Amino acid sequence: MHISIAEAEGQLTELVRLASQGEEVVLTQNGMPYVRLEPVKKSIDPKVRDTIIERIQREVQELNLPPGPDAARSQDFLYDEYGLPN
């Protein structure tokens, strides 16, 4: 939806509601797009985030997976003993 700033002045509450529901709301000035209304992306509480990370780390440890390849040596096959490409 494109609407001029002058028209939007009396409809701000409705335009905000529409934008929060996912509709594109663009305010125009002199017929050109000027401002877009978008909902603010919700961020996760840092304490909640830390709790989630700790839970995932515990669950991974409980799986007792064998260690993966050593990242420091993962590309050794690409180079010879002098460090030159094979």
PDB file of N, CA and C in Angstrom:
ATOM      1  N   MET A   1       0.841  -1.159   0.000  1.00  0.00           N
ATOM      2  CA  MET A   1       0.000   0.000   0.000  1.00  0.00           C
ATOM      3  C   MET A   1       0.894   1.232   0.000  1.00  0.00           C
ATOM      4  N   HIS A   2       0.662   2.133  -0.904  1.00  0.00           N
ATOM      5  CA  HIS A   2       1.354   3.420  -0.968  1.00  0.00           C
ATOM      6  C   HIS A   2       0.347   4.508  -0.609  1.00  0.00           C
ATOM      7  N   ILE A   3       0.747   5.376   0.301  1.00  0.00           N
ATOM      8  CA  ILE A   3      -0.143   6.445   0.752  1.00  0.00           C
ATOM      9  C   ILE A   3       0.697   7.687   1.025  1.00  0.00           C
ATOM     10  N   SER A   4       0.160   8.831   0.662  1.00  0.00           N
ATOM     11  CA  SER A   4       0.915  10.069   0.881  1.00  0.00           C
ATOM     12  C   SER A   4       0.979  10.371   2.377  1.00  0.00           C
ATOM     13  N   ILE A   5       2.013  11.092   2.743  1.00  0.00           N
ATOM     14  CA  ILE A   5       2.189  11.468   4.149  1.00  0.00           C
ATOM     15  C   ILE A   5       0.993  12.285   4.619  1.00  0.00           C
ATOM     16  N   ALA A   6       0.502  13.165   3.779  1.00  0.00           N
ATOM     17  CA  ALA A   6      -0.649  13.998   4.154  1.00  0.00           C
ATOM     18  C   ALA A   6      -1.871  13.132   4.453  1.00  0.00           C
ATOM     19  N   GLU A   7      -2.131  12.115   3.633  1.00  0.00           N
ATOM     20  CA  GLU A   7      -3.267  11.222   3.875  1.00  0.00           C
ATOM     21  C   GLU A   7      -3.033  10.346   5.104  1.00  0.00           C
ATOM     22  N   ALA A   8      -1.796   9.996   5.352  1.00  0.00           N
ATOM     23  CA  ALA A   8      -1.473   9.081   6.439  1.00  0.00           C
ATOM     24  C   ALA A   8      -1.631   9.716   7.817  1.00  0.00           C
ATOM     25  N   GLU A   9      -1.579  11.026   7.888  1.00  0.00           N
ATOM     26  CA  GLU A   9      -1.622  11.702   9.183  1.00  0.00           C
ATOM     27  C   GLU A   9      -2.814  11.291  10.031  1.00  0.00           C
ATOM     28  N   GLY A  10      -3.956  11.146   9.443  1.00  0.00           N
ATOM     29  CA  GLY A  10      -5.134  10.778  10.216  1.00  0.00           C
ATOM     30  C   GLY A  10      -5.354   9.276  10.333  1.00  0.00           C
ATOM     31  N   GLN A  11      -4.475   8.492   9.728  1.00  0.00           N
ATOM     32  CA  GLN A  11      -4.668   7.044   9.700  1.00  0.00           C
ATOM     33  C   GLN A  11      -3.495   6.270  10.297  1.00  0.00           C
ATOM     34  N   LEU A  12      -2.673   6.938  11.067  1.00  0.00           N
ATOM     35  CA  LEU A  12      -1.450   6.305  11.549  1.00  0.00           C
ATOM     36  C   LEU A  12      -1.717   5.006  12.302  1.00  0.00           C
ATOM     37  N   THR A  13      -2.690   5.003  13.191  1.00  0.00           N
ATOM     38  CA  THR A  13      -2.979   3.791  13.968  1.00  0.00           C
ATOM     39  C   THR A  13      -3.319   2.627  13.046  1.00  0.00           C
ATOM     40  N   GLU A  14      -4.145   2.861  12.066  1.00  0.00           N
ATOM     41  CA  GLU A  14      -4.529   1.804  11.124  1.00  0.00           C
ATOM     42  C   GLU A  14      -3.341   1.367  10.274  1.00  0.00           C
ATOM     43  N   LEU A  15      -2.524   2.300   9.842  1.00  0.00           N
ATOM     44  CA  LEU A  15      -1.361   1.953   9.028  1.00  0.00           C
ATOM     45  C   LEU A  15      -0.354   1.123   9.824  1.00  0.00           C
ATOM     46  N   VAL A  16      -0.167   1.479  11.084  1.00  0.00           N
ATOM     47  CA  VAL A  16       0.727   0.704  11.954  1.00  0.00           C
ATOM     48  C   VAL A  16       0.184  -0.711  12.131  1.00  0.00           C
ATOM     49  N   ARG A  17      -1.113  -0.837  12.324  1.00  0.00           N
ATOM     50  CA  ARG A  17      -1.724  -2.163  12.474  1.00  0.00           C
ATOM     51  C   ARG A  17      -1.497  -3.005  11.221  1.00  0.00           C
ATOM     52  N   LEU A  18      -1.706  -2.400  10.057  1.00  0.00           N
ATOM     53  CA  LEU A  18      -1.512  -3.121   8.803  1.00  0.00           C
ATOM     54  C   LEU A  18      -0.051  -3.558   8.636  1.00  0.00           C
ATOM     55  N   ALA A  19       0.870  -2.657   8.936  1.00  0.00           N
ATOM     56  CA  ALA A  19       2.294  -2.986   8.815  1.00  0.00           C
ATOM     57  C   ALA A  19       2.675  -4.108   9.768  1.00  0.00           C
ATOM     58  N   SER A  20       2.127  -4.078  10.987  1.00  0.00           N
ATOM     59  CA  SER A  20       2.457  -5.116  11.964  1.00  0.00           C
ATOM     60  C   SER A  20       1.913  -6.481  11.559  1.00  0.00           C
ATOM     61  N   GLN A  21       0.915  -6.490  10.679  1.00  0.00           N
ATOM     62  CA  GLN A  21       0.348  -7.745  10.188  1.00  0.00           C
ATOM     63  C   GLN A  21       1.026  -8.211   8.908  1.00  0.00           C
ATOM     64  N   GLY A  22       2.064  -7.498   8.487  1.00  0.00           N
ATOM     65  CA  GLY A  22       2.842  -7.941   7.342  1.00  0.00           C
ATOM     66  C   GLY A  22       2.567  -7.223   6.038  1.00  0.00           C
ATOM     67  N   GLU A  23       1.609  -6.315   6.020  1.00  0.00           N
ATOM     68  CA  GLU A  23       1.339  -5.590   4.786  1.00  0.00           C
ATOM     69  C   GLU A  23       2.405  -4.512   4.584  1.00  0.00           C
ATOM     70  N   GLU A  24       2.845  -4.350   3.340  1.00  0.00           N
ATOM     71  CA  GLU A  24       3.811  -3.315   3.038  1.00  0.00           C
ATOM     72  C   GLU A  24       3.099  -1.961   3.051  1.00  0.00           C
ATOM     73  N   VAL A  25       3.594  -1.045   3.870  1.00  0.00           N
ATOM     74  CA  VAL A  25       3.025   0.298   3.950  1.00  0.00           C
ATOM     75  C   VAL A  25       4.147   1.277   3.637  1.00  0.00           C
ATOM     76  N   VAL A  26       3.993   1.998   2.533  1.00  0.00           N
ATOM     77  CA  VAL A  26       4.996   2.965   2.104  1.00  0.00           C
ATOM     78  C   VAL A  26       4.350   4.345   2.087  1.00  0.00           C
ATOM     79  N   LEU A  27       4.976   5.269   2.794  1.00  0.00           N
ATOM     80  CA  LEU A  27       4.509   6.649   2.780  1.00  0.00           C
ATOM     81  C   LEU A  27       5.236   7.370   1.651  1.00  0.00           C
ATOM     82  N   THR A  28       4.477   8.149   0.901  1.00  0.00           N
ATOM     83  CA  THR A  28       5.057   8.835  -0.244  1.00  0.00           C
ATOM     84  C   THR A  28       5.056  10.341  -0.026  1.00  0.00           C
ATOM     85  N   GLN A  29       5.983  10.995  -0.695  1.00  0.00           N
ATOM     86  CA  GLN A  29       6.041  12.454  -0.674  1.00  0.00           C
ATOM     87  C   GLN A  29       6.253  12.892  -2.126  1.00  0.00           C
ATOM     88  N   ASN A  30       5.374  13.744  -2.589  1.00  0.00           N
ATOM     89  CA  ASN A  30       5.397  14.180  -3.983  1.00  0.00           C
ATOM     90  C   ASN A  30       5.311  12.986  -4.942  1.00  0.00           C
ATOM     91  N   GLY A  31       4.554  11.978  -4.545  1.00  0.00           N
ATOM     92  CA  GLY A  31       4.339  10.818  -5.396  1.00  0.00           C
ATOM     93  C   GLY A  31       5.465   9.806  -5.403  1.00  0.00           C
ATOM     94  N   MET A  32       6.535  10.052  -4.654  1.00  0.00           N
ATOM     95  CA  MET A  32       7.690   9.152  -4.617  1.00  0.00           C
ATOM     96  C   MET A  32       7.765   8.460  -3.258  1.00  0.00           C
ATOM     97  N   PRO A  33       8.159   7.173  -3.243  1.00  0.00           N
ATOM     98  CA  PRO A  33       8.323   6.479  -1.960  1.00  0.00           C
ATOM     99  C   PRO A  33       9.290   7.247  -1.064  1.00  0.00           C
ATOM    100  N   TYR A  34       8.922   7.382   0.199  1.00  0.00           N
ATOM    101  CA  TYR A  34       9.723   8.191   1.116  1.00  0.00           C
ATOM    102  C   TYR A  34      10.100   7.418   2.377  1.00  0.00           C
ATOM    103  N   VAL A  35       9.108   6.724   2.968  1.00  0.00           N
ATOM    104  CA  VAL A  35       9.326   5.984   4.210  1.00  0.00           C
ATOM    105  C   VAL A  35       8.531   4.690   4.156  1.00  0.00           C
ATOM    106  N   ARG A  36       9.101   3.611   4.688  1.00  0.00           N
ATOM    107  CA  ARG A  36       8.397   2.344   4.779  1.00  0.00           C
ATOM    108  C   ARG A  36       8.151   2.029   6.257  1.00  0.00           C
ATOM    109  N   LEU A  37       6.922   1.661   6.588  1.00  0.00           N
ATOM    110  CA  LEU A  37       6.601   1.236   7.952  1.00  0.00           C
ATOM    111  C   LEU A  37       6.838  -0.270   8.044  1.00  0.00           C
ATOM    112  N   GLU A  38       7.625  -0.678   9.021  1.00  0.00           N
ATOM    113  CA  GLU A  38       7.911  -2.097   9.241  1.00  0.00           C
ATOM    114  C   GLU A  38       7.853  -2.380  10.733  1.00  0.00           C
ATOM    115  N   PRO A  39       7.410  -3.572  11.097  1.00  0.00           N
ATOM    116  CA  PRO A  39       7.455  -3.927  12.516  1.00  0.00           C
ATOM    117  C   PRO A  39       8.908  -4.124  12.954  1.00  0.00           C
ATOM    118  N   VAL A  40       9.188  -3.807  14.185  1.00  0.00           N
ATOM    119  CA  VAL A  40      10.523  -4.001  14.738  1.00  0.00           C
ATOM    120  C   VAL A  40      10.706  -5.491  14.995  1.00  0.00           C
ATOM    121  N   LYS A  41      11.849  -6.002  14.562  1.00  0.00           N
ATOM    122  CA  LYS A  41      12.135  -7.417  14.803  1.00  0.00           C
ATOM    123  C   LYS A  41      12.371  -7.602  16.293  1.00  0.00           C
ATOM    124  N   LYS A  42      11.675  -8.558  16.844  1.00  0.00           N
ATOM    125  CA  LYS A  42      11.809  -8.818  18.272  1.00  0.00           C
ATOM    126  C   LYS A  42      13.123  -9.530  18.532  1.00  0.00           C
ATOM    127  N   SER A  43      13.848  -9.051  19.533  1.00  0.00           N
ATOM    128  CA  SER A  43      15.096  -9.707  19.893  1.00  0.00           C
ATOM    129  C   SER A  43      14.850 -10.578  21.122  1.00  0.00           C
ATOM    130  N   ILE A  44      15.650 -11.597  21.239  1.00  0.00           N
ATOM    131  CA  ILE A  44      15.489 -12.527  22.349  1.00  0.00           C
ATOM    132  C   ILE A  44      16.239 -11.979  23.565  1.00  0.00           C
ATOM    133  N   ASP A  45      15.669 -12.164  24.720  1.00  0.00           N
ATOM    134  CA  ASP A  45      16.282 -11.746  25.970  1.00  0.00           C
ATOM    135  C   ASP A  45      17.620 -12.481  26.124  1.00  0.00           C
ATOM    136  N   PRO A  46      18.699 -11.770  26.461  1.00  0.00           N
ATOM    137  CA  PRO A  46      20.009 -12.423  26.587  1.00  0.00           C
ATOM    138  C   PRO A  46      20.021 -13.584  27.571  1.00  0.00           C
ATOM    139  N   LYS A  47      19.275 -13.490  28.663  1.00  0.00           N
ATOM    140  CA  LYS A  47      19.227 -14.587  29.640  1.00  0.00           C
ATOM    141  C   LYS A  47      18.564 -15.820  29.027  1.00  0.00           C
ATOM    142  N   VAL A  48      17.496 -15.599  28.274  1.00  0.00           N
ATOM    143  CA  VAL A  48      16.807 -16.706  27.611  1.00  0.00           C
ATOM    144  C   VAL A  48      17.735 -17.331  26.577  1.00  0.00           C
ATOM    145  N   ARG A  49      18.429 -16.482  25.794  1.00  0.00           N
ATOM    146  CA  ARG A  49      19.366 -16.974  24.790  1.00  0.00           C
ATOM    147  C   ARG A  49      20.447 -17.837  25.430  1.00  0.00           C
ATOM    148  N   ASP A  50      21.038 -17.365  26.548  1.00  0.00           N
ATOM    149  CA  ASP A  50      22.087 -18.120  27.226  1.00  0.00           C
ATOM    150  C   ASP A  50      21.565 -19.453  27.739  1.00  0.00           C
ATOM    151  N   THR A  51      20.344 -19.463  28.252  1.00  0.00           N
ATOM    152  CA  THR A  51      19.737 -20.707  28.732  1.00  0.00           C
ATOM    153  C   THR A  51      19.568 -21.698  27.583  1.00  0.00           C
ATOM    154  N   ILE A  52      19.125 -21.226  26.435  1.00  0.00           N
ATOM    155  CA  ILE A  52      18.938 -22.094  25.271  1.00  0.00           C
ATOM    156  C   ILE A  52      20.280 -22.669  24.816  1.00  0.00           C
ATOM    157  N   ILE A  53      21.300 -21.817  24.750  1.00  0.00           N
ATOM    158  CA  ILE A  53      22.626 -22.279  24.324  1.00  0.00           C
ATOM    159  C   ILE A  53      23.168 -23.325  25.280  1.00  0.00           C
ATOM    160  N   GLU A  54      23.038 -23.085  26.579  1.00  0.00           N
ATOM    161  CA  GLU A  54      23.522 -24.055  27.575  1.00  0.00           C
ATOM    162  C   GLU A  54      22.794 -25.380  27.441  1.00  0.00           C
ATOM    163  N   ARG A  55      21.464 -25.340  27.218  1.00  0.00           N
ATOM    164  CA  ARG A  55      20.699 -26.570  27.064  1.00  0.00           C
ATOM    165  C   ARG A  55      21.164 -27.362  25.839  1.00  0.00           C
ATOM    166  N   ILE A  56      21.391 -26.666  24.742  1.00  0.00           N
ATOM    167  CA  ILE A  56      21.849 -27.341  23.518  1.00  0.00           C
ATOM    168  C   ILE A  56      23.231 -27.938  23.738  1.00  0.00           C
ATOM    169  N   GLN A  57      24.118 -27.204  24.392  1.00  0.00           N
ATOM    170  CA  GLN A  57      25.460 -27.731  24.657  1.00  0.00           C
ATOM    171  C   GLN A  57      25.400 -28.984  25.534  1.00  0.00           C
ATOM    172  N   ARG A  58      24.544 -28.989  26.558  1.00  0.00           N
ATOM    173  CA  ARG A  58      24.380 -30.173  27.405  1.00  0.00           C
ATOM    174  C   ARG A  58      23.874 -31.363  26.599  1.00  0.00           C
ATOM    175  N   GLU A  59      22.851 -31.107  25.759  1.00  0.00           N
ATOM    176  CA  GLU A  59      22.279 -32.186  24.961  1.00  0.00           C
ATOM    177  C   GLU A  59      23.310 -32.772  23.997  1.00  0.00           C
ATOM    178  N   VAL A  60      24.141 -31.934  23.419  1.00  0.00           N
ATOM    179  CA  VAL A  60      25.176 -32.427  22.504  1.00  0.00           C
ATOM    180  C   VAL A  60      26.194 -33.260  23.281  1.00  0.00           C
ATOM    181  N   GLN A  61      26.575 -32.814  24.464  1.00  0.00           N
ATOM    182  CA  GLN A  61      27.528 -33.578  25.275  1.00  0.00           C
ATOM    183  C   GLN A  61      26.956 -34.937  25.655  1.00  0.00           C
ATOM    184  N   GLU A  62      25.658 -34.997  25.929  1.00  0.00           N
ATOM    185  CA  GLU A  62      25.018 -36.254  26.319  1.00  0.00           C
ATOM    186  C   GLU A  62      24.982 -37.266  25.177  1.00  0.00           C
ATOM    187  N   LEU A  63      25.124 -36.796  23.934  1.00  0.00           N
ATOM    188  CA  LEU A  63      25.108 -37.700  22.784  1.00  0.00           C
ATOM    189  C   LEU A  63      26.390 -38.511  22.670  1.00  0.00           C
ATOM    190  N   ASN A  64      27.453 -38.074  23.357  1.00  0.00           N
ATOM    191  CA  ASN A  64      28.742 -38.772  23.327  1.00  0.00           C
ATOM    192  C   ASN A  64      29.204 -39.066  21.907  1.00  0.00           C
ATOM    193  N   LEU A  65      29.180 -38.062  21.065  1.00  0.00           N
ATOM    194  CA  LEU A  65      29.609 -38.221  19.681  1.00  0.00           C
ATOM    195  C   LEU A  65      31.126 -38.305  19.603  1.00  0.00           C
ATOM    196  N   PRO A  66      31.656 -39.088  18.668  1.00  0.00           N
ATOM    197  CA  PRO A  66      33.111 -39.122  18.508  1.00  0.00           C
ATOM    198  C   PRO A  66      33.590 -37.765  17.997  1.00  0.00           C
ATOM    199  N   PRO A  67      34.812 -37.403  18.324  1.00  0.00           N
ATOM    200  CA  PRO A  67      35.304 -36.106  17.863  1.00  0.00           C
ATOM    201  C   PRO A  67      35.378 -36.064  16.342  1.00  0.00           C
ATOM    202  N   GLY A  68      35.104 -34.917  15.799  1.00  0.00           N
ATOM    203  CA  GLY A  68      35.169 -34.727  14.358  1.00  0.00           C
ATOM    204  C   GLY A  68      36.593 -34.470  13.908  1.00  0.00           C
ATOM    205  N   PRO A  69      36.771 -34.189  12.634  1.00  0.00           N
ATOM    206  CA  PRO A  69      38.119 -33.923  12.127  1.00  0.00           C
ATOM    207  C   PRO A  69      38.688 -32.652  12.740  1.00  0.00           C
ATOM    208  N   ASP A  70      40.004 -32.638  12.863  1.00  0.00           N
ATOM    209  CA  ASP A  70      40.701 -31.479  13.408  1.00  0.00           C
ATOM    210  C   ASP A  70      40.704 -30.380  12.353  1.00  0.00           C
ATOM    211  N   ALA A  71      40.096 -29.259  12.644  1.00  0.00           N
ATOM    212  CA  ALA A  71      39.996 -28.167  11.679  1.00  0.00           C
ATOM    213  C   ALA A  71      41.368 -27.652  11.270  1.00  0.00           C
ATOM    214  N   ALA A  72      42.342 -27.710  12.173  1.00  0.00           N
ATOM    215  CA  ALA A  72      43.682 -27.223  11.851  1.00  0.00           C
ATOM    216  C   ALA A  72      44.351 -28.083  10.783  1.00  0.00           C
ATOM    217  N   ARG A  73      43.920 -29.334  10.639  1.00  0.00           N
ATOM    218  CA  ARG A  73      44.530 -30.260   9.682  1.00  0.00           C
ATOM    219  C   ARG A  73      43.587 -30.615   8.536  1.00  0.00           C
ATOM    220  N   SER A  74      42.424 -29.973   8.458  1.00  0.00           N
ATOM    221  CA  SER A  74      41.395 -30.397   7.518  1.00  0.00           C
ATOM    222  C   SER A  74      41.770 -30.192   6.057  1.00  0.00           C
ATOM    223  N   GLN A  75      42.751 -29.341   5.761  1.00  0.00           N
ATOM    224  CA  GLN A  75      43.112 -29.088   4.368  1.00  0.00           C
ATOM    225  C   GLN A  75      44.529 -29.560   4.038  1.00  0.00           C
ATOM    226  N   ASP A  76      45.103 -30.378   4.906  1.00  0.00           N
ATOM    227  CA  ASP A  76      46.460 -30.855   4.668  1.00  0.00           C
ATOM    228  C   ASP A  76      46.599 -31.594   3.347  1.00  0.00           C
ATOM    229  N   PHE A  77      45.569 -32.307   2.920  1.00  0.00           N
ATOM    230  CA  PHE A  77      45.651 -33.086   1.686  1.00  0.00           C
ATOM    231  C   PHE A  77      45.825 -32.193   0.454  1.00  0.00           C
ATOM    232  N   LEU A  78      45.563 -30.908   0.592  1.00  0.00           N
ATOM    233  CA  LEU A  78      45.691 -29.995  -0.540  1.00  0.00           C
ATOM    234  C   LEU A  78      47.124 -29.554  -0.797  1.00  0.00           C
ATOM    235  N   TYR A  79      48.021 -29.736   0.198  1.00  0.00           N
ATOM    236  CA  TYR A  79      49.378 -29.201   0.107  1.00  0.00           C
ATOM    237  C   TYR A  79      50.419 -30.285   0.359  1.00  0.00           C
ATOM    238  N   ASP A  80      51.587 -30.110  -0.228  1.00  0.00           N
ATOM    239  CA  ASP A  80      52.652 -31.074   0.003  1.00  0.00           C
ATOM    240  C   ASP A  80      53.432 -30.684   1.257  1.00  0.00           C
ATOM    241  N   GLU A  81      54.550 -31.413   1.531  1.00  0.00           N
ATOM    242  CA  GLU A  81      55.301 -31.161   2.761  1.00  0.00           C
ATOM    243  C   GLU A  81      55.979 -29.796   2.776  1.00  0.00           C
ATOM    244  N   TYR A  82      56.036 -29.122   1.625  1.00  0.00           N
ATOM    245  CA  TYR A  82      56.664 -27.798   1.545  1.00  0.00           C
ATOM    246  C   TYR A  82      55.613 -26.671   1.564  1.00  0.00           C
ATOM    247  N   GLY A  83      54.368 -27.048   1.721  1.00  0.00           N
ATOM    248  CA  GLY A  83      53.307 -26.055   1.771  1.00  0.00           C
ATOM    249  C   GLY A  83      52.818 -25.603   0.401  1.00  0.00           C
ATOM    250  N   LEU A  84      53.245 -26.314  -0.646  1.00  0.00           N
ATOM    251  CA  LEU A  84      52.827 -25.958  -1.998  1.00  0.00           C
ATOM    252  C   LEU A  84      51.605 -26.780  -2.391  1.00  0.00           C
ATOM    253  N   PRO A  85      50.762 -26.235  -3.244  1.00  0.00           N
ATOM    254  CA  PRO A  85      49.576 -26.987  -3.664  1.00  0.00           C
ATOM    255  C   PRO A  85      49.946 -28.288  -4.369  1.00  0.00           C
ATOM    256  N   ASN A  86      49.188 -29.330  -4.110  1.00  0.00           N
ATOM    257  CA  ASN A  86      49.422 -30.624  -4.781  1.00  0.00           C
ATOM    258  C   ASN A  86      48.955 -30.572  -6.209  1.00  0.00           C
TER     259      ASN A  86
END
